[in-house]
Amino acid sequence: MRTMKQLLITWLFLPAIVLCSWLVAGPTEASPVNFSFTGSVSDVSGVLFPTIGSGSISGDITFESGASPIVPGTGVYLNTVVTGLNLHIGAYSASYVLGSNGVVITNSPPMGGVDNFTAFTTVTGSAINMTSPSSFLMSFTDPSGNALGNVNLSNALDLLDNTSPPGLSSFASNQWRLIFGNETDGNVVKGSFGTLIATPLPASAILFGVGLIALVGLGAGGLRNLREPRA
């Protein structure tokens, strides 16, 4: 009987142990992975100016680091990989909406081609002069072919993290684009990133973990009471 109770206690504590290890894991050891970013606007075209002008941007984007490529080894991840986006350009905001999204990773031999990481997603936001945002794209390029070692998504996300060098410095250039309507319409906002930093889990997830651990503690306390002889 004592052995059964010990096994039950272990079973109750196991989820808390797993959760704690997840909370302290590195940015790509668990899914999803969230990045906060800052940057600047370099060009506003079409009917978007002057509603959107030059200035700074901020926001965050979330990737599902455990997503699988459509074909192993291709570096092409579609429709299950970008799961969130919030973009602020001055007073204007756009955000993620369920739709087409993906990541394309290109790894070339050193000095033999271009390394590139490109992510895109469908977005939504307020219309400007009767045209609405349709998609957001971010791209990081290294013409020397030295930035990426493979087309693994988790490895690429680790490389992009500004807090884990080499980060953005691995890429000779980067660009973001917010496209309104069809890109051929010419209503596009462009710019570059200054920082891209993997951020901690949201407070709601941490509170969930604390609550779960508290419940486990209560369960263990109840089992101790079961072991104690009654008067």
Protein backbone atom coordinates (compact mmCIF):
# COMPACT_ATOMS: atom_id res chain seq x y z
CA MET A 1 0.00 0.00 0.00
CA ARG A 2 2.87 2.36 0.85
CA THR A 3 4.46 1.70 -2.53
CA MET A 4 1.22 2.59 -4.31
CA LYS A 5 0.99 5.90 -2.43
CA GLN A 6 4.60 6.73 -3.29
CA LEU A 7 3.91 6.06 -6.96
CA LEU A 8 0.84 8.30 -6.79
CA ILE A 9 2.87 11.13 -5.25
CA THR A 10 5.48 10.77 -7.99
CA TRP A 11 2.76 10.83 -10.63
CA LEU A 12 1.32 14.04 -9.17
CA PHE A 13 4.67 15.80 -9.05
CA LEU A 14 5.81 14.76 -12.52
CA PRO A 15 3.76 17.37 -14.42
CA ALA A 16 5.16 20.13 -12.21
CA ILE A 17 8.72 18.94 -12.81
CA VAL A 18 8.15 18.87 -16.56
CA LEU A 19 6.54 22.32 -16.48
CA CYS A 20 9.38 23.84 -14.48
CA SER A 21 11.97 22.44 -16.88
CA TRP A 22 9.95 23.91 -19.75
CA LEU A 23 9.81 27.36 -18.13
CA VAL A 24 13.60 27.52 -17.76
CA ALA A 25 14.36 26.05 -21.18
CA GLY A 26 16.09 28.05 -23.88
CA PRO A 27 14.08 29.89 -26.53
CA THR A 28 13.99 27.05 -29.04
CA GLU A 29 13.70 24.14 -26.63
CA ALA A 30 9.95 24.63 -26.43
CA SER A 31 7.21 25.86 -28.73
CA PRO A 32 6.08 28.53 -29.36
CA VAL A 33 8.95 31.02 -29.56
CA ASN A 34 8.15 34.71 -29.27
CA PHE A 35 10.39 37.54 -30.48
CA SER A 36 10.01 41.23 -29.71
CA PHE A 37 11.43 43.62 -32.26
CA THR A 38 12.18 47.26 -32.95
CA GLY A 39 13.15 48.97 -36.16
CA SER A 40 12.57 51.86 -38.50
CA VAL A 41 10.59 52.85 -41.59
CA SER A 42 12.57 53.52 -44.77
CA ASP A 43 9.88 53.84 -47.44
CA VAL A 44 6.12 54.43 -47.66
CA SER A 45 4.53 54.11 -51.09
CA GLY A 46 1.15 54.55 -52.75
CA VAL A 47 -1.82 55.98 -50.88
CA LEU A 48 -0.40 55.13 -47.43
CA PHE A 49 1.50 58.40 -47.03
CA PRO A 50 1.09 60.59 -45.01
CA THR A 51 -1.13 58.43 -42.75
CA ILE A 52 1.96 56.28 -42.26
CA GLY A 53 5.21 58.23 -42.35
CA SER A 54 8.83 57.79 -41.36
CA GLY A 55 9.60 56.77 -37.81
CA SER A 56 10.11 53.75 -35.62
CA ILE A 57 8.35 50.41 -35.33
CA SER A 58 7.89 47.90 -32.55
CA GLY A 59 6.05 44.66 -32.02
CA ASP A 60 6.37 40.93 -31.59
CA ILE A 61 6.10 37.80 -33.70
CA THR A 62 5.56 34.19 -32.61
CA PHE A 63 6.91 31.07 -34.32
CA GLU A 64 6.01 27.43 -33.76
CA SER A 65 9.56 26.13 -33.43
CA GLY A 66 8.42 22.51 -33.65
CA ALA A 67 6.84 22.95 -37.09
CA SER A 68 7.85 20.43 -39.74
CA PRO A 69 8.98 21.33 -43.27
CA ILE A 70 6.67 20.36 -46.11
CA VAL A 71 9.45 18.05 -47.32
CA PRO A 72 12.38 17.14 -45.02
CA GLY A 73 15.52 19.10 -45.82
CA THR A 74 13.84 21.75 -47.96
CA GLY A 75 13.69 24.53 -45.36
CA VAL A 76 10.13 25.33 -46.40
CA TYR A 77 7.59 25.51 -43.55
CA LEU A 78 4.02 26.42 -44.46
CA ASN A 79 0.85 27.43 -42.59
CA THR A 80 1.79 26.01 -39.17
CA VAL A 81 4.86 28.07 -38.34
CA VAL A 82 3.89 31.73 -37.73
CA THR A 83 1.23 31.86 -35.03
CA GLY A 84 1.17 35.48 -33.91
CA LEU A 85 2.14 39.03 -34.85
CA ASN A 86 1.64 42.52 -33.45
CA LEU A 87 3.12 45.40 -35.44
CA HIS A 88 3.09 49.06 -34.45
CA ILE A 89 4.21 51.74 -36.91
CA GLY A 90 3.80 55.02 -35.10
CA ALA A 91 0.09 55.24 -34.29
CA TYR A 92 -0.85 52.55 -36.81
CA SER A 93 -1.16 48.87 -35.86
CA ALA A 94 -1.56 45.59 -37.73
CA SER A 95 -1.88 42.10 -36.30
CA TYR A 96 -1.86 38.41 -37.16
CA VAL A 97 -4.95 36.78 -38.57
CA LEU A 98 -5.40 33.12 -39.43
CA GLY A 99 -4.48 32.54 -43.06
CA SER A 100 -1.42 31.92 -45.19
CA ASN A 101 1.91 31.96 -43.36
CA GLY A 102 5.29 30.36 -43.68
CA VAL A 103 9.06 30.37 -43.32
CA VAL A 104 11.56 29.70 -46.11
CA ILE A 105 15.19 29.03 -45.11
CA THR A 106 17.93 28.96 -47.75
CA ASN A 107 21.35 27.58 -46.81
CA SER A 108 24.11 27.85 -49.40
CA PRO A 109 27.71 26.58 -49.29
CA PRO A 110 30.12 29.20 -47.88
CA MET A 111 31.14 31.62 -50.64
CA GLY A 112 28.87 29.69 -52.95
CA GLY A 113 25.58 31.52 -52.63
CA VAL A 114 23.18 33.40 -50.37
CA ASP A 115 21.82 32.40 -46.96
CA ASN A 116 18.34 33.71 -46.28
CA PHE A 117 15.57 33.47 -43.68
CA THR A 118 12.18 34.77 -44.79
CA ALA A 119 8.91 34.63 -42.84
CA PHE A 120 5.49 35.85 -43.92
CA THR A 121 1.95 35.90 -42.58
CA THR A 122 -1.51 37.20 -43.33
CA VAL A 123 -2.42 40.29 -41.28
CA THR A 124 -5.36 42.53 -40.53
CA GLY A 125 -5.69 46.20 -39.60
CA SER A 126 -7.54 49.42 -40.28
CA ALA A 127 -7.98 50.51 -43.89
CA ILE A 128 -6.05 53.52 -45.18
CA ASN A 129 -7.60 55.34 -48.13
CA MET A 130 -9.77 52.30 -48.85
CA THR A 131 -6.94 49.75 -48.85
CA SER A 132 -6.32 47.29 -46.00
CA PRO A 133 -3.18 45.45 -44.87
CA SER A 134 -2.95 41.93 -46.25
CA SER A 135 0.46 40.50 -45.39
CA PHE A 136 3.67 41.06 -43.43
CA LEU A 137 7.08 39.80 -44.49
CA MET A 138 10.45 39.76 -42.76
CA SER A 139 13.69 38.75 -44.45
CA PHE A 140 17.33 38.34 -43.34
CA THR A 141 20.06 37.88 -45.96
CA ASP A 142 23.75 36.94 -45.91
CA PRO A 143 25.34 37.03 -49.39
CA SER A 144 28.48 35.22 -48.15
CA GLY A 145 26.56 32.03 -47.34
CA ASN A 146 28.14 31.83 -43.88
CA ALA A 147 25.20 32.70 -41.61
CA LEU A 148 23.26 29.43 -41.62
CA GLY A 149 24.64 25.94 -41.15
CA ASN A 150 21.47 24.12 -42.22
CA VAL A 151 17.76 24.68 -42.86
CA ASN A 152 16.59 23.60 -39.40
CA LEU A 153 13.97 26.02 -38.05
CA SER A 154 15.03 25.84 -34.39
CA ASN A 155 18.66 26.53 -35.30
CA ALA A 156 17.66 29.49 -37.45
CA LEU A 157 15.54 30.96 -34.64
CA ASP A 158 18.46 30.61 -32.24
CA LEU A 159 20.67 32.48 -34.70
CA LEU A 160 18.18 35.33 -35.06
CA ASP A 161 18.03 35.98 -31.32
CA ASN A 162 19.84 39.27 -30.71
CA THR A 163 20.68 38.25 -27.13
CA SER A 164 22.56 35.14 -28.34
CA PRO A 165 25.35 36.37 -30.66
CA PRO A 166 25.90 36.40 -33.57
CA GLY A 167 22.19 37.31 -33.95
CA LEU A 168 21.27 39.94 -36.53
CA SER A 169 24.95 40.71 -37.09
CA SER A 170 25.22 37.40 -38.98
CA PHE A 171 23.17 38.89 -41.80
CA ALA A 172 24.40 41.66 -44.09
CA SER A 173 20.89 43.04 -44.47
CA ASN A 174 17.37 42.65 -43.19
CA GLN A 175 14.02 44.04 -44.26
CA TRP A 176 10.39 44.01 -43.23
CA ARG A 177 7.40 44.85 -45.43
CA LEU A 178 3.77 45.54 -44.61
CA ILE A 179 1.73 45.07 -47.79
CA PHE A 180 -1.72 46.55 -48.36
CA GLY A 181 -3.96 44.76 -50.85
CA ASN A 182 -1.91 43.17 -53.64
CA GLU A 183 1.77 44.05 -53.67
CA THR A 184 1.44 45.03 -57.34
CA ASP A 185 -0.90 47.84 -56.22
CA GLY A 186 2.16 49.60 -54.82
CA ASN A 187 0.85 50.26 -51.32
CA VAL A 188 3.74 49.01 -49.21
CA VAL A 189 5.58 50.14 -46.08
CA LYS A 190 9.22 49.00 -45.84
CA GLY A 191 11.92 49.21 -43.25
CA SER A 192 14.60 47.35 -41.32
CA PHE A 193 15.01 45.78 -37.89
CA GLY A 194 17.27 47.16 -35.20
CA THR A 195 16.65 44.43 -32.63
CA LEU A 196 14.99 41.02 -32.61
CA ILE A 197 15.02 39.42 -29.16
CA ALA A 198 13.51 36.18 -27.90
CA THR A 199 11.20 37.11 -25.03
CA PRO A 200 10.05 35.10 -21.99
CA LEU A 201 6.79 33.24 -21.78
CA PRO A 202 3.78 35.50 -21.21
CA ALA A 203 2.72 36.09 -17.62
CA SER A 204 -0.42 33.99 -18.14
CA ALA A 205 1.68 30.91 -18.87
CA ILE A 206 3.83 31.49 -15.78
CA LEU A 207 0.74 31.96 -13.59
CA PHE A 208 -0.66 28.74 -14.99
CA GLY A 209 2.53 26.98 -13.94
CA VAL A 210 2.38 28.44 -10.44
CA GLY A 211 -1.24 27.35 -10.12
CA LEU A 212 -0.45 23.84 -11.28
CA ILE A 213 2.39 23.51 -8.80
CA ALA A 214 0.09 24.75 -6.02
CA LEU A 215 -2.49 22.12 -6.93
CA VAL A 216 0.20 19.46 -6.89
CA GLY A 217 1.22 20.62 -3.43
CA LEU A 218 -2.35 20.35 -2.19
CA GLY A 219 -2.62 16.88 -3.65
CA ALA A 220 0.55 15.77 -1.94
CA GLY A 221 -0.70 17.20 1.34
CA GLY A 222 -3.87 15.17 1.02
CA LEU A 223 -1.86 12.01 0.49
CA ARG A 224 0.20 12.73 3.60
CA ASN A 225 -3.05 12.99 5.54
CA LEU A 226 -4.07 9.59 4.21
CA ARG A 227 -0.86 8.07 5.58
CA GLU A 228 -1.32 9.57 9.04
CA PRO A 229 -3.21 7.31 11.48
CA ARG A 230 -6.56 8.63 12.61
CA ALA A 231 -7.13 9.22 16.36
